[in-house]
Amino acid sequence: MTDEDGRRSTPLVDEVIKKAAVVWVSASDGPARALWCAPLEGALLVISGPGEQTAPGLADATAAHVTMRGDHGGRIVTWPARVDRVLPGTEEWETVAPLVAAKRLNAPGSATDLMQRWADDGCALTRLTPAGDPVAGEALPTGSLAEPPRDTPAARATRRPFRLHRVRRR
């Protein structure tokens, strides 16, 4: 069904959005990434950028694919999303940014400080709105969609542990 603002959704998508905390988002034909989100009015809000989660290409994208899991932990639906960036200083920012900041766990400082840091550091607050027919049930892929680990500066070769003495076995 389509409503007056161009949002296209189904009862399944509406229900999983209400319960969403983590979703897998693929933007700009890139690999899907697990992202923390906050549901609001039938859409998902995602913050990314310096000091926050990494979502390459999402801030500049106009469309993305969102995959969500159910209570059993498995994939239950994938839907196309319209991506809209919420810009600091706008009326929409003043409305939704405090809601996202209030749900942001382990953030230093107050919600106001956090919103100011997002604006100053160039973080992207994006709204993901359902925009097409979802893939669910029998139409979902049955095989694994696992990918090899991506390169990261955090990975490094492990060394053998340091031992002070030799342990003798009897």
C-alpha atoms as a PDB file:
ATOM      1  CA  MET A   1       0.000   0.000   0.000  1.00  0.00           C
ATOM      2  CA  THR A   2       1.116   3.560  -0.727  1.00  0.00           C
ATOM      3  CA  ASP A   3       0.279   6.557   1.463  1.00  0.00           C
ATOM      4  CA  GLU A   4       0.245  10.293   0.727  1.00  0.00           C
ATOM      5  CA  ASP A   5       4.005  10.822   1.273  1.00  0.00           C
ATOM      6  CA  GLY A   6       4.978   8.054  -1.184  1.00  0.00           C
ATOM      7  CA  ARG A   7       5.668   5.469   1.525  1.00  0.00           C
ATOM      8  CA  ARG A   8       5.017   1.930   0.262  1.00  0.00           C
ATOM      9  CA  SER A   9       4.766  -0.728   2.910  1.00  0.00           C
ATOM     10  CA  THR A  10       3.068  -3.929   4.045  1.00  0.00           C
ATOM     11  CA  PRO A  11       1.789  -5.021   7.464  1.00  0.00           C
ATOM     12  CA  LEU A  12       4.871  -7.265   7.877  1.00  0.00           C
ATOM     13  CA  VAL A  13       7.303  -4.405   7.206  1.00  0.00           C
ATOM     14  CA  ASP A  14       5.328  -2.058   9.469  1.00  0.00           C
ATOM     15  CA  GLU A  15       5.460  -4.582  12.311  1.00  0.00           C
ATOM     16  CA  VAL A  16       9.184  -5.350  12.082  1.00  0.00           C
ATOM     17  CA  ILE A  17      10.019  -1.639  11.844  1.00  0.00           C
ATOM     18  CA  LYS A  18       8.252  -1.034  15.171  1.00  0.00           C
ATOM     19  CA  LYS A  19      10.512  -3.619  16.859  1.00  0.00           C
ATOM     20  CA  ALA A  20      13.757  -2.793  15.034  1.00  0.00           C
ATOM     21  CA  ALA A  21      16.997  -2.127  16.866  1.00  0.00           C
ATOM     22  CA  VAL A  22      19.546  -3.484  14.362  1.00  0.00           C
ATOM     23  CA  VAL A  23      19.110  -3.818  10.601  1.00  0.00           C
ATOM     24  CA  TRP A  24      21.350  -4.755   7.688  1.00  0.00           C
ATOM     25  CA  VAL A  25      21.540  -1.956   5.127  1.00  0.00           C
ATOM     26  CA  SER A  26      23.041  -2.129   1.658  1.00  0.00           C
ATOM     27  CA  ALA A  27      23.496   1.225  -0.082  1.00  0.00           C
ATOM     28  CA  SER A  28      25.072   2.095  -3.425  1.00  0.00           C
ATOM     29  CA  ASP A  29      25.388  -1.586  -4.376  1.00  0.00           C
ATOM     30  CA  GLY A  30      27.788  -2.075  -1.478  1.00  0.00           C
ATOM     31  CA  PRO A  31      27.775  -4.953   0.984  1.00  0.00           C
ATOM     32  CA  ALA A  32      25.127  -4.994   3.693  1.00  0.00           C
ATOM     33  CA  ARG A  33      26.237  -3.633   7.054  1.00  0.00           C
ATOM     34  CA  ALA A  34      24.650  -4.159  10.449  1.00  0.00           C
ATOM     35  CA  LEU A  35      23.496  -0.753  11.706  1.00  0.00           C
ATOM     36  CA  TRP A  36      21.844   0.400  14.897  1.00  0.00           C
ATOM     37  CA  CYS A  37      18.596   2.228  14.165  1.00  0.00           C
ATOM     38  CA  ALA A  38      15.654   3.937  15.822  1.00  0.00           C
ATOM     39  CA  PRO A  39      12.110   3.411  14.508  1.00  0.00           C
ATOM     40  CA  LEU A  40       9.896   6.464  14.056  1.00  0.00           C
ATOM     41  CA  GLU A  41       6.542   6.811  12.290  1.00  0.00           C
ATOM     42  CA  GLY A  42       6.951   3.813   9.977  1.00  0.00           C
ATOM     43  CA  ALA A  43      10.559   4.603   9.047  1.00  0.00           C
ATOM     44  CA  LEU A  44      14.011   3.897  10.474  1.00  0.00           C
ATOM     45  CA  LEU A  45      16.511   6.560  11.521  1.00  0.00           C
ATOM     46  CA  VAL A  46      20.229   5.779  11.270  1.00  0.00           C
ATOM     47  CA  ILE A  47      23.121   7.938  12.471  1.00  0.00           C
ATOM     48  CA  SER A  48      26.557   7.421  10.922  1.00  0.00           C
ATOM     49  CA  GLY A  49      29.845   9.255  10.611  1.00  0.00           C
ATOM     50  CA  PRO A  50      32.830  10.238  12.766  1.00  0.00           C
ATOM     51  CA  GLY A  51      32.501   8.795  16.269  1.00  0.00           C
ATOM     52  CA  GLU A  52      29.435   6.801  15.221  1.00  0.00           C
ATOM     53  CA  GLN A  53      28.813   3.690  13.128  1.00  0.00           C
ATOM     54  CA  THR A  54      30.257   3.348   9.637  1.00  0.00           C
ATOM     55  CA  ALA A  55      27.796   3.251   6.734  1.00  0.00           C
ATOM     56  CA  PRO A  56      29.718   3.955   3.517  1.00  0.00           C
ATOM     57  CA  GLY A  57      27.576   5.509   0.806  1.00  0.00           C
ATOM     58  CA  LEU A  58      24.393   5.751   2.879  1.00  0.00           C
ATOM     59  CA  ALA A  59      24.518   9.522   3.455  1.00  0.00           C
ATOM     60  CA  ASP A  60      24.663  10.235  -0.294  1.00  0.00           C
ATOM     61  CA  ALA A  61      22.381   7.424  -1.443  1.00  0.00           C
ATOM     62  CA  THR A  62      18.791   7.871  -2.596  1.00  0.00           C
ATOM     63  CA  ALA A  63      17.898   4.189  -2.254  1.00  0.00           C
ATOM     64  CA  ALA A  64      18.985   1.216  -0.175  1.00  0.00           C
ATOM     65  CA  HIS A  65      17.947  -2.309   0.712  1.00  0.00           C
ATOM     66  CA  VAL A  66      17.085  -3.112   4.323  1.00  0.00           C
ATOM     67  CA  THR A  67      17.107  -6.652   5.725  1.00  0.00           C
ATOM     68  CA  MET A  68      15.469  -7.337   9.060  1.00  0.00           C
ATOM     69  CA  ARG A  69      15.411 -10.308  11.384  1.00  0.00           C
ATOM     70  CA  GLY A  70      12.649 -11.795  13.485  1.00  0.00           C
ATOM     71  CA  ASP A  71      12.455 -12.929  17.085  1.00  0.00           C
ATOM     72  CA  HIS A  72      14.097 -16.227  16.111  1.00  0.00           C
ATOM     73  CA  GLY A  73      17.195 -14.349  14.898  1.00  0.00           C
ATOM     74  CA  GLY A  74      16.808 -15.236  11.222  1.00  0.00           C
ATOM     75  CA  ARG A  75      16.120 -13.064   8.218  1.00  0.00           C
ATOM     76  CA  ILE A  76      12.382 -12.506   7.681  1.00  0.00           C
ATOM     77  CA  VAL A  77      12.119  -9.626   5.206  1.00  0.00           C
ATOM     78  CA  THR A  78      14.177  -7.467   2.850  1.00  0.00           C
ATOM     79  CA  TRP A  79      12.667  -4.260   1.506  1.00  0.00           C
ATOM     80  CA  PRO A  80      13.762  -1.398  -0.737  1.00  0.00           C
ATOM     81  CA  ALA A  81      14.048   1.911   1.056  1.00  0.00           C
ATOM     82  CA  ARG A  82      14.041   5.547   0.042  1.00  0.00           C
ATOM     83  CA  VAL A  83      16.940   7.301   1.778  1.00  0.00           C
ATOM     84  CA  ASP A  84      16.468  10.896   2.932  1.00  0.00           C
ATOM     85  CA  ARG A  85      19.120  12.829   4.818  1.00  0.00           C
ATOM     86  CA  VAL A  86      17.960  14.938   7.758  1.00  0.00           C
ATOM     87  CA  LEU A  87      20.097  18.085   7.814  1.00  0.00           C
ATOM     88  CA  PRO A  88      21.123  19.977  10.962  1.00  0.00           C
ATOM     89  CA  GLY A  89      19.295  23.238  11.492  1.00  0.00           C
ATOM     90  CA  THR A  90      16.091  22.104   9.807  1.00  0.00           C
ATOM     91  CA  GLU A  91      12.749  21.709  11.540  1.00  0.00           C
ATOM     92  CA  GLU A  92      12.899  17.960  10.906  1.00  0.00           C
ATOM     93  CA  TRP A  93      16.334  17.778  12.591  1.00  0.00           C
ATOM     94  CA  GLU A  94      14.986  19.589  15.648  1.00  0.00           C
ATOM     95  CA  THR A  95      12.164  17.041  15.814  1.00  0.00           C
ATOM     96  CA  VAL A  96      13.903  13.703  15.149  1.00  0.00           C
ATOM     97  CA  ALA A  97      17.527  14.184  16.282  1.00  0.00           C
ATOM     98  CA  PRO A  98      16.577  14.422  19.988  1.00  0.00           C
ATOM     99  CA  LEU A  99      14.619  11.172  19.676  1.00  0.00           C
ATOM    100  CA  VAL A 100      17.607   9.383  18.128  1.00  0.00           C
ATOM    101  CA  ALA A 101      20.018  10.917  20.662  1.00  0.00           C
ATOM    102  CA  ALA A 102      17.828   9.735  23.542  1.00  0.00           C
ATOM    103  CA  LYS A 103      18.030   6.139  22.254  1.00  0.00           C
ATOM    104  CA  ARG A 104      21.800   6.270  21.644  1.00  0.00           C
ATOM    105  CA  LEU A 105      23.398   4.071  24.295  1.00  0.00           C
ATOM    106  CA  ASN A 106      26.718   4.825  26.004  1.00  0.00           C
ATOM    107  CA  ALA A 107      27.067   8.281  24.493  1.00  0.00           C
ATOM    108  CA  PRO A 108      29.134  10.745  26.519  1.00  0.00           C
ATOM    109  CA  GLY A 109      27.310  13.898  27.554  1.00  0.00           C
ATOM    110  CA  SER A 110      23.717  14.971  27.205  1.00  0.00           C
ATOM    111  CA  ALA A 111      21.442  14.496  24.202  1.00  0.00           C
ATOM    112  CA  THR A 112      21.943  18.183  23.330  1.00  0.00           C
ATOM    113  CA  ASP A 113      25.743  17.765  23.397  1.00  0.00           C
ATOM    114  CA  LEU A 114      25.458  14.644  21.260  1.00  0.00           C
ATOM    115  CA  MET A 115      23.293  16.398  18.644  1.00  0.00           C
ATOM    116  CA  GLN A 116      25.746  19.299  18.527  1.00  0.00           C
ATOM    117  CA  ARG A 117      28.653  16.880  18.006  1.00  0.00           C
ATOM    118  CA  TRP A 118      26.745  15.176  15.175  1.00  0.00           C
ATOM    119  CA  ALA A 119      26.170  18.537  13.500  1.00  0.00           C
ATOM    120  CA  ASP A 120      29.753  19.776  14.035  1.00  0.00           C
ATOM    121  CA  ASP A 121      31.458  16.530  12.954  1.00  0.00           C
ATOM    122  CA  GLY A 122      29.369  16.081   9.807  1.00  0.00           C
ATOM    123  CA  CYS A 123      27.568  12.945  10.932  1.00  0.00           C
ATOM    124  CA  ALA A 124      24.660  11.854   8.735  1.00  0.00           C
ATOM    125  CA  LEU A 125      21.206  11.301  10.150  1.00  0.00           C
ATOM    126  CA  THR A 126      19.276   9.372   7.505  1.00  0.00           C
ATOM    127  CA  ARG A 127      15.665   8.259   7.300  1.00  0.00           C
ATOM    128  CA  LEU A 128      14.974   4.891   5.626  1.00  0.00           C
ATOM    129  CA  THR A 129      11.385   4.762   4.382  1.00  0.00           C
ATOM    130  CA  PRO A 130       9.811   1.665   2.773  1.00  0.00           C
ATOM    131  CA  ALA A 131       9.601   2.310  -0.971  1.00  0.00           C
ATOM    132  CA  GLY A 132       8.767  -0.924  -2.736  1.00  0.00           C
ATOM    133  CA  ASP A 133       7.659  -4.513  -2.585  1.00  0.00           C
ATOM    134  CA  PRO A 134       9.364  -6.522   0.164  1.00  0.00           C
ATOM    135  CA  VAL A 135      10.871  -9.975  -0.261  1.00  0.00           C
ATOM    136  CA  ALA A 136       9.641 -12.335   2.466  1.00  0.00           C
ATOM    137  CA  GLY A 137       8.741 -15.938   3.191  1.00  0.00           C
ATOM    138  CA  GLU A 138       9.430 -18.433   0.408  1.00  0.00           C
ATOM    139  CA  ALA A 139      10.903 -15.691  -1.810  1.00  0.00           C
ATOM    140  CA  LEU A 140      13.885 -15.145   0.541  1.00  0.00           C
ATOM    141  CA  PRO A 141      17.174 -16.797  -0.447  1.00  0.00           C
ATOM    142  CA  THR A 142      17.607 -20.170   1.235  1.00  0.00           C
ATOM    143  CA  GLY A 143      21.400 -20.226   1.184  1.00  0.00           C
ATOM    144  CA  SER A 144      23.865 -18.302   3.284  1.00  0.00           C
ATOM    145  CA  LEU A 145      24.599 -14.728   2.269  1.00  0.00           C
ATOM    146  CA  ALA A 146      27.777 -14.709   4.366  1.00  0.00           C
ATOM    147  CA  GLU A 147      30.707 -12.811   2.897  1.00  0.00           C
ATOM    148  CA  PRO A 148      34.418 -13.094   3.638  1.00  0.00           C
ATOM    149  CA  PRO A 149      35.648 -10.672   6.310  1.00  0.00           C
ATOM    150  CA  ARG A 150      36.364  -7.181   5.004  1.00  0.00           C
ATOM    151  CA  ASP A 151      39.764  -5.549   5.323  1.00  0.00           C
ATOM    152  CA  THR A 152      40.060  -3.410   8.401  1.00  0.00           C
ATOM    153  CA  PRO A 153      42.872  -1.496  10.103  1.00  0.00           C
ATOM    154  CA  ALA A 154      41.801  -3.153  13.376  1.00  0.00           C
ATOM    155  CA  ALA A 155      42.938  -6.581  12.215  1.00  0.00           C
ATOM    156  CA  ARG A 156      46.522  -7.617  12.690  1.00  0.00           C
ATOM    157  CA  ALA A 157      48.480 -10.817  12.936  1.00  0.00           C
ATOM    158  CA  THR A 158      48.310 -12.454  16.306  1.00  0.00           C
ATOM    159  CA  ARG A 159      51.435 -13.428  18.187  1.00  0.00           C
ATOM    160  CA  ARG A 160      52.012 -16.339  20.470  1.00  0.00           C
ATOM    161  CA  PRO A 161      51.294 -15.511  24.102  1.00  0.00           C
ATOM    162  CA  PHE A 162      54.195 -14.552  26.337  1.00  0.00           C
ATOM    163  CA  ARG A 163      55.146 -17.147  28.960  1.00  0.00           C
ATOM    164  CA  LEU A 164      57.291 -16.541  31.995  1.00  0.00           C
ATOM    165  CA  HIS A 165      58.179 -20.167  32.547  1.00  0.00           C
ATOM    166  CA  ARG A 166      57.881 -23.492  30.929  1.00  0.00           C
ATOM    167  CA  VAL A 167      55.124 -25.787  32.145  1.00  0.00           C
ATOM    168  CA  ARG A 168      56.255 -29.383  32.603  1.00  0.00           C
ATOM    169  CA  ARG A 169      53.871 -32.233  32.165  1.00  0.00           C
ATOM    170  CA  ARG A 170      54.230 -35.308  34.339  1.00  0.00           C
END
